[in-house]
Amino acid sequence: MTKTLVFLVEEESAEQMLSVIMPRLLEATGNADNVAYQILPFEGKSDLEKKLCRRLRGWRKPVTRFVIIRDQDSGDCRMIKEKLLQLCQEAGKSDCLVRIACHELESFYLGDLAAVEAGLSLNGLSQRQRQKKYRAPDSVASPSQELIRITGKRYQKVAGSRAISRHLDLENNKSHSFNVLVDGIRRLIEDK
């Protein structure tokens, strides 16, 4: 029986990123034929939190694992994760994988400036990866604003996510939260 991974994400930009990296992860793990996935975007974090229990309770397909992805923004990462895990438990799905992007999804892209450079057809951006803030992009307070700034306003959330994700190095990203997400997805894919 095919296993299904269901991603519940805060917004469309996360959906775009996952729709590009999931086939790559499935192929790399040799599970492209026995693991399916579905991505359910919400209209922001409050919409995700408000509808999460109902979506989880209503899911009837067997052999399904859920992955919830939300931005930290200015909140406390641990408290956000705990709240989401509590909602999963209330829905009777205590085995959900919850991952928080520190501070925003764009931290993932700041962690791989070569992907940003290639995806947005820029020159010289990848050399900045050696700078302190790009070696630890999860500490950048507003990654989306930083990405807009360093790309000369070429980055746009949805189109940028789609373009950059094609080039993301799934093994060598400077964003710790990206690496934790990818490792968690790999474990779910490979879990028998």
N, C-alpha and C. Protein backbone atom coordinates (compact mmCIF):
# COMPACT_ATOMS: atom_id res chain seq x y z
N MET A 1 0.84 -1.18 0.00
CA MET A 1 0.00 0.00 0.00
C MET A 1 0.89 1.25 0.00
N THR A 2 0.53 2.22 -0.82
CA THR A 2 1.30 3.45 -0.94
C THR A 2 1.12 4.32 0.30
N LYS A 3 2.23 4.81 0.81
CA LYS A 3 2.20 5.76 1.93
C LYS A 3 1.99 7.15 1.36
N THR A 4 1.23 7.98 2.07
CA THR A 4 0.99 9.35 1.64
C THR A 4 1.51 10.32 2.70
N LEU A 5 2.26 11.32 2.26
CA LEU A 5 2.66 12.41 3.13
C LEU A 5 1.77 13.60 2.79
N VAL A 6 1.14 14.17 3.78
CA VAL A 6 0.28 15.34 3.58
C VAL A 6 0.92 16.52 4.29
N PHE A 7 1.22 17.56 3.51
CA PHE A 7 1.84 18.77 4.04
C PHE A 7 0.77 19.83 4.23
N LEU A 8 0.67 20.36 5.42
CA LEU A 8 -0.23 21.47 5.72
C LEU A 8 0.66 22.68 5.95
N VAL A 9 0.59 23.64 5.03
CA VAL A 9 1.53 24.75 5.03
C VAL A 9 0.80 26.08 5.15
N GLU A 10 1.51 27.05 5.68
CA GLU A 10 0.96 28.37 5.97
C GLU A 10 0.54 29.15 4.73
N GLU A 11 1.26 28.96 3.63
CA GLU A 11 0.98 29.81 2.47
C GLU A 11 1.46 29.16 1.17
N GLU A 12 1.11 29.79 0.07
CA GLU A 12 1.41 29.26 -1.25
C GLU A 12 2.91 29.18 -1.54
N SER A 13 3.71 30.07 -0.99
CA SER A 13 5.15 30.02 -1.28
C SER A 13 5.76 28.71 -0.75
N ALA A 14 5.29 28.25 0.40
CA ALA A 14 5.76 26.96 0.93
C ALA A 14 5.28 25.81 0.05
N GLU A 15 4.07 25.92 -0.46
CA GLU A 15 3.55 24.92 -1.39
C GLU A 15 4.44 24.83 -2.63
N GLN A 16 4.83 25.98 -3.17
CA GLN A 16 5.69 25.99 -4.35
C GLN A 16 7.04 25.34 -4.07
N MET A 17 7.62 25.66 -2.94
CA MET A 17 8.91 25.09 -2.57
C MET A 17 8.81 23.57 -2.45
N LEU A 18 7.79 23.09 -1.74
CA LEU A 18 7.64 21.64 -1.55
C LEU A 18 7.33 20.91 -2.85
N SER A 19 6.55 21.54 -3.72
CA SER A 19 6.19 20.87 -4.98
C SER A 19 7.43 20.67 -5.86
N VAL A 20 8.47 21.45 -5.62
CA VAL A 20 9.71 21.29 -6.37
C VAL A 20 10.67 20.32 -5.67
N ILE A 21 10.81 20.42 -4.36
CA ILE A 21 11.80 19.57 -3.69
C ILE A 21 11.31 18.16 -3.39
N MET A 22 10.00 17.95 -3.26
CA MET A 22 9.51 16.60 -2.94
C MET A 22 9.86 15.56 -4.00
N PRO A 23 9.63 15.83 -5.28
CA PRO A 23 10.05 14.82 -6.28
C PRO A 23 11.54 14.52 -6.21
N ARG A 24 12.34 15.53 -5.92
CA ARG A 24 13.79 15.32 -5.80
C ARG A 24 14.11 14.42 -4.60
N LEU A 25 13.44 14.67 -3.46
CA LEU A 25 13.67 13.85 -2.27
C LEU A 25 13.21 12.41 -2.49
N LEU A 26 12.05 12.25 -3.12
CA LEU A 26 11.54 10.90 -3.37
C LEU A 26 12.46 10.13 -4.31
N GLU A 27 12.94 10.80 -5.33
CA GLU A 27 13.86 10.16 -6.28
C GLU A 27 15.18 9.79 -5.60
N ALA A 28 15.71 10.72 -4.80
CA ALA A 28 16.99 10.49 -4.13
C ALA A 28 16.94 9.33 -3.14
N THR A 29 15.77 9.12 -2.54
CA THR A 29 15.64 8.03 -1.56
C THR A 29 15.17 6.73 -2.21
N GLY A 30 14.90 6.78 -3.52
CA GLY A 30 14.44 5.58 -4.22
C GLY A 30 12.99 5.22 -3.91
N ASN A 31 12.20 6.18 -3.47
CA ASN A 31 10.82 5.91 -3.06
C ASN A 31 9.78 6.61 -3.92
N ALA A 32 10.15 7.02 -5.11
CA ALA A 32 9.22 7.77 -5.96
C ALA A 32 7.98 6.97 -6.31
N ASP A 33 8.07 5.65 -6.32
CA ASP A 33 6.93 4.82 -6.69
C ASP A 33 6.05 4.39 -5.52
N ASN A 34 6.57 4.45 -4.29
CA ASN A 34 5.78 3.96 -3.17
C ASN A 34 5.41 5.01 -2.13
N VAL A 35 5.70 6.26 -2.40
CA VAL A 35 5.28 7.35 -1.50
C VAL A 35 4.63 8.44 -2.34
N ALA A 36 3.41 8.78 -1.98
CA ALA A 36 2.70 9.89 -2.63
C ALA A 36 2.72 11.07 -1.67
N TYR A 37 2.45 12.25 -2.20
CA TYR A 37 2.36 13.41 -1.32
C TYR A 37 1.29 14.37 -1.82
N GLN A 38 0.80 15.15 -0.89
CA GLN A 38 -0.20 16.17 -1.19
C GLN A 38 0.13 17.39 -0.34
N ILE A 39 -0.04 18.57 -0.91
CA ILE A 39 0.29 19.81 -0.21
C ILE A 39 -0.99 20.64 -0.09
N LEU A 40 -1.34 20.99 1.15
CA LEU A 40 -2.54 21.78 1.41
C LEU A 40 -2.12 23.15 1.96
N PRO A 41 -2.16 24.18 1.12
CA PRO A 41 -1.80 25.52 1.60
C PRO A 41 -2.98 26.20 2.30
N PHE A 42 -2.66 27.01 3.27
CA PHE A 42 -3.67 27.80 3.98
C PHE A 42 -3.43 29.27 3.66
N GLU A 43 -4.27 30.12 4.17
CA GLU A 43 -4.16 31.56 3.92
C GLU A 43 -3.56 32.26 5.14
N GLY A 44 -2.36 31.84 5.49
CA GLY A 44 -1.66 32.44 6.61
C GLY A 44 -1.68 31.55 7.84
N LYS A 45 -0.91 31.95 8.83
CA LYS A 45 -0.74 31.12 10.03
C LYS A 45 -2.02 31.00 10.86
N SER A 46 -2.81 32.07 10.96
CA SER A 46 -4.04 31.97 11.76
C SER A 46 -5.05 31.05 11.08
N ASP A 47 -5.12 31.06 9.75
CA ASP A 47 -6.00 30.17 9.01
C ASP A 47 -5.55 28.71 9.22
N LEU A 48 -4.25 28.47 9.16
CA LEU A 48 -3.70 27.14 9.39
C LEU A 48 -4.09 26.63 10.78
N GLU A 49 -3.87 27.45 11.79
CA GLU A 49 -4.15 27.03 13.16
C GLU A 49 -5.64 26.84 13.41
N LYS A 50 -6.45 27.68 12.80
CA LYS A 50 -7.90 27.62 12.98
C LYS A 50 -8.49 26.35 12.35
N LYS A 51 -7.97 25.93 11.20
CA LYS A 51 -8.55 24.81 10.46
C LYS A 51 -7.80 23.49 10.62
N LEU A 52 -6.68 23.51 11.31
CA LEU A 52 -5.82 22.33 11.39
C LEU A 52 -6.54 21.10 11.96
N CYS A 53 -7.19 21.23 13.11
CA CYS A 53 -7.86 20.08 13.75
C CYS A 53 -8.90 19.47 12.83
N ARG A 54 -9.70 20.31 12.21
CA ARG A 54 -10.77 19.81 11.33
C ARG A 54 -10.18 19.04 10.15
N ARG A 55 -9.11 19.58 9.55
CA ARG A 55 -8.48 18.90 8.41
C ARG A 55 -7.90 17.55 8.83
N LEU A 56 -7.24 17.52 9.97
CA LEU A 56 -6.65 16.27 10.44
C LEU A 56 -7.72 15.24 10.79
N ARG A 57 -8.75 15.66 11.51
CA ARG A 57 -9.83 14.74 11.89
C ARG A 57 -10.56 14.19 10.68
N GLY A 58 -10.71 15.01 9.66
CA GLY A 58 -11.48 14.61 8.48
C GLY A 58 -10.72 13.72 7.50
N TRP A 59 -9.43 13.53 7.72
CA TRP A 59 -8.63 12.76 6.78
C TRP A 59 -8.90 11.27 6.97
N ARG A 60 -9.30 10.59 5.93
CA ARG A 60 -9.68 9.18 6.04
C ARG A 60 -8.76 8.21 5.30
N LYS A 61 -7.85 8.72 4.52
CA LYS A 61 -6.97 7.84 3.74
C LYS A 61 -5.98 7.14 4.68
N PRO A 62 -5.90 5.80 4.60
CA PRO A 62 -4.97 5.08 5.49
C PRO A 62 -3.51 5.32 5.08
N VAL A 63 -2.62 4.96 5.96
CA VAL A 63 -1.17 5.07 5.77
C VAL A 63 -0.79 6.49 5.34
N THR A 64 -1.20 7.44 6.16
CA THR A 64 -0.91 8.85 5.91
C THR A 64 -0.14 9.42 7.08
N ARG A 65 0.88 10.19 6.76
CA ARG A 65 1.62 10.95 7.77
C ARG A 65 1.50 12.43 7.44
N PHE A 66 1.38 13.24 8.44
CA PHE A 66 1.16 14.68 8.26
C PHE A 66 2.40 15.46 8.66
N VAL A 67 2.69 16.50 7.86
CA VAL A 67 3.79 17.41 8.13
C VAL A 67 3.20 18.82 8.15
N ILE A 68 3.36 19.52 9.26
CA ILE A 68 2.87 20.89 9.37
C ILE A 68 4.08 21.81 9.35
N ILE A 69 4.03 22.81 8.46
CA ILE A 69 5.14 23.76 8.32
C ILE A 69 4.59 25.17 8.50
N ARG A 70 5.21 25.91 9.41
CA ARG A 70 4.78 27.28 9.70
C ARG A 70 5.99 28.15 9.95
N ASP A 71 5.89 29.42 9.59
CA ASP A 71 6.94 30.39 9.89
C ASP A 71 6.93 30.73 11.37
N GLN A 72 8.10 31.01 11.90
CA GLN A 72 8.22 31.49 13.27
C GLN A 72 7.80 32.94 13.37
N ASP A 73 8.13 33.73 12.35
CA ASP A 73 7.93 35.17 12.37
C ASP A 73 8.57 35.72 13.64
N SER A 74 7.86 36.49 14.44
CA SER A 74 8.47 37.07 15.64
C SER A 74 8.11 36.29 16.90
N GLY A 75 7.45 35.14 16.75
CA GLY A 75 7.04 34.35 17.91
C GLY A 75 8.15 33.48 18.47
N ASP A 76 7.83 32.82 19.56
CA ASP A 76 8.76 31.88 20.20
C ASP A 76 8.61 30.52 19.51
N CYS A 77 9.68 30.05 18.93
CA CYS A 77 9.69 28.82 18.14
C CYS A 77 9.12 27.63 18.92
N ARG A 78 9.58 27.46 20.16
CA ARG A 78 9.14 26.32 20.97
C ARG A 78 7.65 26.40 21.29
N MET A 79 7.18 27.60 21.60
CA MET A 79 5.75 27.77 21.93
C MET A 79 4.87 27.51 20.71
N ILE A 80 5.32 27.96 19.55
CA ILE A 80 4.56 27.74 18.31
C ILE A 80 4.48 26.25 18.02
N LYS A 81 5.60 25.58 18.12
CA LYS A 81 5.63 24.14 17.85
C LYS A 81 4.75 23.39 18.85
N GLU A 82 4.84 23.77 20.11
CA GLU A 82 4.03 23.11 21.15
C GLU A 82 2.53 23.31 20.89
N LYS A 83 2.15 24.51 20.49
CA LYS A 83 0.74 24.78 20.19
C LYS A 83 0.26 23.92 19.02
N LEU A 84 1.07 23.82 17.97
CA LEU A 84 0.70 23.01 16.81
C LEU A 84 0.63 21.53 17.18
N LEU A 85 1.57 21.05 17.98
CA LEU A 85 1.53 19.66 18.42
C LEU A 85 0.29 19.38 19.27
N GLN A 86 -0.10 20.35 20.09
CA GLN A 86 -1.31 20.21 20.91
C GLN A 86 -2.55 20.11 20.02
N LEU A 87 -2.61 20.94 18.97
CA LEU A 87 -3.73 20.87 18.03
C LEU A 87 -3.78 19.51 17.33
N CYS A 88 -2.62 18.99 16.98
CA CYS A 88 -2.55 17.67 16.34
C CYS A 88 -3.07 16.60 17.30
N GLN A 89 -2.68 16.70 18.55
CA GLN A 89 -3.12 15.73 19.56
C GLN A 89 -4.63 15.81 19.76
N GLU A 90 -5.17 17.03 19.81
CA GLU A 90 -6.62 17.22 19.94
C GLU A 90 -7.37 16.58 18.78
N ALA A 91 -6.74 16.54 17.61
CA ALA A 91 -7.36 15.95 16.42
C ALA A 91 -7.15 14.44 16.37
N GLY A 92 -6.43 13.88 17.34
CA GLY A 92 -6.18 12.44 17.36
C GLY A 92 -5.04 12.02 16.46
N LYS A 93 -4.17 12.96 16.11
CA LYS A 93 -3.03 12.67 15.23
C LYS A 93 -1.74 13.10 15.93
N SER A 94 -1.36 12.36 16.94
CA SER A 94 -0.22 12.77 17.75
C SER A 94 1.13 12.49 17.09
N ASP A 95 1.12 11.82 15.93
CA ASP A 95 2.39 11.49 15.27
C ASP A 95 2.74 12.44 14.13
N CYS A 96 2.17 13.64 14.12
CA CYS A 96 2.47 14.62 13.08
C CYS A 96 3.88 15.17 13.24
N LEU A 97 4.50 15.48 12.13
CA LEU A 97 5.80 16.13 12.13
C LEU A 97 5.55 17.62 12.00
N VAL A 98 6.00 18.40 12.97
CA VAL A 98 5.83 19.85 12.96
C VAL A 98 7.20 20.48 12.79
N ARG A 99 7.30 21.37 11.80
CA ARG A 99 8.55 22.06 11.54
C ARG A 99 8.29 23.56 11.42
N ILE A 100 9.17 24.33 12.05
CA ILE A 100 9.06 25.78 12.07
C ILE A 100 10.21 26.37 11.27
N ALA A 101 9.89 27.23 10.31
CA ALA A 101 10.92 27.96 9.55
C ALA A 101 11.34 29.16 10.38
N CYS A 102 12.62 29.23 10.74
CA CYS A 102 13.12 30.33 11.55
C CYS A 102 13.67 31.42 10.63
N HIS A 103 13.25 32.52 10.66
CA HIS A 103 12.06 33.22 11.05
C HIS A 103 10.98 33.09 10.00
N GLU A 104 11.40 32.93 8.76
CA GLU A 104 10.47 32.78 7.65
C GLU A 104 11.05 31.76 6.67
N LEU A 105 10.20 31.31 5.77
CA LEU A 105 10.62 30.39 4.71
C LEU A 105 11.84 30.91 3.95
N GLU A 106 11.92 32.22 3.79
CA GLU A 106 13.03 32.81 3.03
C GLU A 106 14.39 32.56 3.67
N SER A 107 14.43 32.16 4.94
CA SER A 107 15.70 31.76 5.56
C SER A 107 16.32 30.59 4.80
N PHE A 108 15.45 29.71 4.28
CA PHE A 108 15.92 28.56 3.52
C PHE A 108 16.70 29.03 2.29
N TYR A 109 16.21 30.09 1.67
CA TYR A 109 16.84 30.61 0.45
C TYR A 109 18.11 31.39 0.77
N LEU A 110 18.10 32.12 1.88
CA LEU A 110 19.32 32.82 2.30
C LEU A 110 20.41 31.81 2.66
N GLY A 111 20.02 30.60 3.00
CA GLY A 111 20.98 29.54 3.32
C GLY A 111 21.62 28.92 2.09
N ASP A 112 21.15 29.28 0.91
CA ASP A 112 21.73 28.76 -0.33
C ASP A 112 21.67 29.86 -1.39
N LEU A 113 22.56 30.82 -1.25
CA LEU A 113 22.56 31.97 -2.16
C LEU A 113 22.92 31.58 -3.59
N ALA A 114 23.61 30.44 -3.78
CA ALA A 114 23.87 29.96 -5.14
C ALA A 114 22.54 29.61 -5.82
N ALA A 115 21.60 29.05 -5.07
CA ALA A 115 20.27 28.73 -5.62
C ALA A 115 19.51 30.00 -5.96
N VAL A 116 19.63 31.02 -5.10
CA VAL A 116 18.97 32.31 -5.36
C VAL A 116 19.55 32.92 -6.63
N GLU A 117 20.87 32.89 -6.72
CA GLU A 117 21.56 33.44 -7.90
C GLU A 117 21.10 32.73 -9.18
N ALA A 118 21.07 31.41 -9.16
CA ALA A 118 20.66 30.64 -10.34
C ALA A 118 19.17 30.82 -10.65
N GLY A 119 18.34 30.76 -9.61
CA GLY A 119 16.89 30.83 -9.80
C GLY A 119 16.41 32.18 -10.30
N LEU A 120 17.08 33.24 -9.88
CA LEU A 120 16.67 34.59 -10.27
C LEU A 120 17.58 35.21 -11.33
N SER A 121 18.47 34.39 -11.87
CA SER A 121 19.40 34.84 -12.93
C SER A 121 20.19 36.08 -12.52
N LEU A 122 20.85 35.98 -11.38
CA LEU A 122 21.67 37.06 -10.86
C LEU A 122 23.14 36.66 -10.94
N ASN A 123 24.03 37.61 -10.76
CA ASN A 123 25.47 37.33 -10.75
C ASN A 123 26.08 37.79 -9.44
N GLY A 124 27.01 36.99 -8.92
CA GLY A 124 27.81 37.39 -7.77
C GLY A 124 27.16 37.23 -6.41
N LEU A 125 25.93 36.80 -6.35
CA LEU A 125 25.23 36.70 -5.07
C LEU A 125 25.78 35.56 -4.21
N SER A 126 26.16 34.47 -4.83
CA SER A 126 26.62 33.30 -4.07
C SER A 126 27.88 33.59 -3.26
N GLN A 127 28.66 34.57 -3.69
CA GLN A 127 29.88 34.93 -2.95
C GLN A 127 29.57 35.48 -1.56
N ARG A 128 28.37 36.01 -1.38
CA ARG A 128 27.99 36.56 -0.08
C ARG A 128 27.76 35.49 0.98
N GLN A 129 27.67 34.22 0.57
CA GLN A 129 27.39 33.14 1.52
C GLN A 129 28.45 33.09 2.62
N ARG A 130 29.63 33.61 2.34
CA ARG A 130 30.71 33.61 3.34
C ARG A 130 30.51 34.67 4.43
N GLN A 131 29.63 35.63 4.19
CA GLN A 131 29.38 36.67 5.19
C GLN A 131 28.64 36.06 6.38
N LYS A 132 28.91 36.60 7.56
CA LYS A 132 28.41 36.04 8.80
C LYS A 132 26.90 35.81 8.79
N LYS A 133 26.10 36.80 8.38
CA LYS A 133 24.65 36.63 8.46
C LYS A 133 24.12 35.57 7.51
N TYR A 134 24.80 35.31 6.41
CA TYR A 134 24.35 34.29 5.47
C TYR A 134 24.88 32.90 5.81
N ARG A 135 25.85 32.86 6.73
CA ARG A 135 26.31 31.56 7.24
C ARG A 135 25.34 31.03 8.29
N ALA A 136 24.54 31.93 8.88
CA ALA A 136 23.53 31.55 9.88
C ALA A 136 22.23 32.30 9.57
N PRO A 137 21.59 31.99 8.45
CA PRO A 137 20.43 32.77 8.00
C PRO A 137 19.20 32.66 8.89
N ASP A 138 19.12 31.66 9.74
CA ASP A 138 17.97 31.55 10.64
C ASP A 138 17.95 32.67 11.67
N SER A 139 19.07 33.37 11.83
CA SER A 139 19.11 34.47 12.80
C SER A 139 18.74 35.82 12.17
N VAL A 140 18.54 35.86 10.86
CA VAL A 140 18.13 37.10 10.19
C VAL A 140 16.68 37.37 10.56
N ALA A 141 16.41 38.54 11.15
CA ALA A 141 15.07 38.85 11.68
C ALA A 141 13.98 38.89 10.61
N SER A 142 14.27 39.41 9.45
CA SER A 142 13.27 39.49 8.38
C SER A 142 13.88 38.99 7.07
N PRO A 143 13.96 37.67 6.93
CA PRO A 143 14.60 37.10 5.74
C PRO A 143 13.95 37.51 4.42
N SER A 144 12.64 37.67 4.41
CA SER A 144 11.97 38.05 3.15
C SER A 144 12.42 39.45 2.72
N GLN A 145 12.52 40.37 3.66
CA GLN A 145 12.99 41.72 3.34
C GLN A 145 14.45 41.71 2.92
N GLU A 146 15.24 40.89 3.58
CA GLU A 146 16.66 40.77 3.23
C GLU A 146 16.81 40.22 1.82
N LEU A 147 16.01 39.22 1.48
CA LEU A 147 16.07 38.62 0.15
C LEU A 147 15.64 39.62 -0.93
N ILE A 148 14.62 40.39 -0.65
CA ILE A 148 14.19 41.44 -1.59
C ILE A 148 15.32 42.45 -1.78
N ARG A 149 15.95 42.82 -0.67
CA ARG A 149 17.02 43.82 -0.72
C ARG A 149 18.22 43.33 -1.54
N ILE A 150 18.71 42.12 -1.24
CA ILE A 150 19.94 41.67 -1.90
C ILE A 150 19.71 41.24 -3.35
N THR A 151 18.46 41.03 -3.74
CA THR A 151 18.17 40.67 -5.13
C THR A 151 17.72 41.87 -5.94
N GLY A 152 17.82 43.06 -5.37
CA GLY A 152 17.38 44.26 -6.08
C GLY A 152 15.89 44.21 -6.41
N LYS A 153 15.10 43.69 -5.47
CA LYS A 153 13.64 43.57 -5.59
C LYS A 153 13.19 42.56 -6.64
N ARG A 154 14.08 41.65 -7.03
CA ARG A 154 13.69 40.61 -8.01
C ARG A 154 12.95 39.46 -7.35
N TYR A 155 13.17 39.28 -6.05
CA TYR A 155 12.50 38.19 -5.35
C TYR A 155 11.04 38.56 -5.08
N GLN A 156 10.15 37.67 -5.46
CA GLN A 156 8.73 37.75 -5.11
C GLN A 156 8.36 36.40 -4.52
N LYS A 157 7.54 36.40 -3.47
CA LYS A 157 7.28 35.20 -2.68
C LYS A 157 6.97 33.93 -3.48
N VAL A 158 5.91 33.93 -4.27
CA VAL A 158 5.47 32.70 -4.93
C VAL A 158 6.38 32.35 -6.12
N ALA A 159 6.55 33.27 -7.04
CA ALA A 159 7.39 33.00 -8.21
C ALA A 159 8.84 32.75 -7.79
N GLY A 160 9.32 33.49 -6.81
CA GLY A 160 10.68 33.31 -6.32
C GLY A 160 10.88 31.94 -5.68
N SER A 161 9.89 31.51 -4.89
CA SER A 161 9.98 30.18 -4.28
C SER A 161 10.07 29.09 -5.33
N ARG A 162 9.26 29.20 -6.35
CA ARG A 162 9.26 28.21 -7.43
C ARG A 162 10.62 28.20 -8.14
N ALA A 163 11.13 29.38 -8.48
CA ALA A 163 12.38 29.49 -9.25
C ALA A 163 13.60 29.05 -8.43
N ILE A 164 13.68 29.50 -7.19
CA ILE A 164 14.84 29.21 -6.35
C ILE A 164 14.86 27.74 -5.93
N SER A 165 13.70 27.17 -5.62
CA SER A 165 13.63 25.79 -5.12
C SER A 165 14.20 24.78 -6.10
N ARG A 166 14.13 25.07 -7.38
CA ARG A 166 14.68 24.16 -8.39
C ARG A 166 16.18 23.97 -8.21
N HIS A 167 16.82 24.94 -7.61
CA HIS A 167 18.28 24.94 -7.49
C HIS A 167 18.78 24.68 -6.07
N LEU A 168 17.88 24.55 -5.10
CA LEU A 168 18.32 24.34 -3.72
C LEU A 168 19.14 23.06 -3.60
N ASP A 169 20.26 23.18 -2.94
CA ASP A 169 21.09 22.02 -2.62
C ASP A 169 20.50 21.40 -1.36
N LEU A 170 19.95 20.22 -1.48
CA LEU A 170 19.26 19.57 -0.37
C LEU A 170 20.22 19.01 0.68
N GLU A 171 21.50 19.03 0.37
CA GLU A 171 22.51 18.50 1.30
C GLU A 171 23.32 19.58 1.99
N ASN A 172 23.45 20.75 1.38
CA ASN A 172 24.35 21.79 1.89
C ASN A 172 23.65 23.14 1.95
N ASN A 173 22.80 23.31 2.94
CA ASN A 173 22.12 24.58 3.14
C ASN A 173 22.57 25.13 4.49
N LYS A 174 22.79 26.42 4.56
CA LYS A 174 23.24 27.04 5.81
C LYS A 174 22.11 27.27 6.80
N SER A 175 20.86 27.07 6.37
CA SER A 175 19.71 27.22 7.27
C SER A 175 19.48 25.93 8.05
N HIS A 176 19.67 26.03 9.35
CA HIS A 176 19.46 24.86 10.21
C HIS A 176 18.00 24.39 10.13
N SER A 177 17.05 25.33 10.11
CA SER A 177 15.64 24.93 10.07
C SER A 177 15.30 24.22 8.76
N PHE A 178 15.95 24.59 7.65
CA PHE A 178 15.75 23.88 6.38
C PHE A 178 16.27 22.45 6.49
N ASN A 179 17.46 22.31 7.05
CA ASN A 179 18.07 20.98 7.19
C ASN A 179 17.24 20.07 8.09
N VAL A 180 16.67 20.62 9.16
CA VAL A 180 15.82 19.84 10.07
C VAL A 180 14.55 19.40 9.33
N LEU A 181 13.98 20.29 8.53
CA LEU A 181 12.80 19.95 7.73
C LEU A 181 13.11 18.81 6.76
N VAL A 182 14.17 18.95 5.99
CA VAL A 182 14.53 17.94 4.98
C VAL A 182 14.84 16.61 5.66
N ASP A 183 15.57 16.63 6.77
CA ASP A 183 15.87 15.38 7.49
C ASP A 183 14.59 14.71 7.98
N GLY A 184 13.65 15.49 8.49
CA GLY A 184 12.38 14.94 8.96
C GLY A 184 11.57 14.32 7.83
N ILE A 185 11.54 14.99 6.70
CA ILE A 185 10.82 14.45 5.53
C ILE A 185 11.48 13.16 5.06
N ARG A 186 12.80 13.14 5.01
CA ARG A 186 13.51 11.92 4.59
C ARG A 186 13.16 10.75 5.52
N ARG A 187 13.13 11.00 6.82
CA ARG A 187 12.80 9.94 7.77
C ARG A 187 11.39 9.40 7.51
N LEU A 188 10.44 10.30 7.25
CA LEU A 188 9.07 9.86 6.97
C LEU A 188 9.00 9.06 5.67
N ILE A 189 9.74 9.48 4.66
CA ILE A 189 9.76 8.78 3.39
C ILE A 189 10.31 7.37 3.56
N GLU A 190 11.39 7.25 4.31
CA GLU A 190 12.09 5.98 4.44
C GLU A 190 11.50 5.07 5.52
N ASP A 191 10.64 5.61 6.38
CA ASP A 191 10.02 4.84 7.46
C ASP A 191 9.08 3.78 6.88
N LYS A 192 9.30 2.56 7.25
CA LYS A 192 8.45 1.47 6.77
C LYS A 192 7.28 1.36 7.67
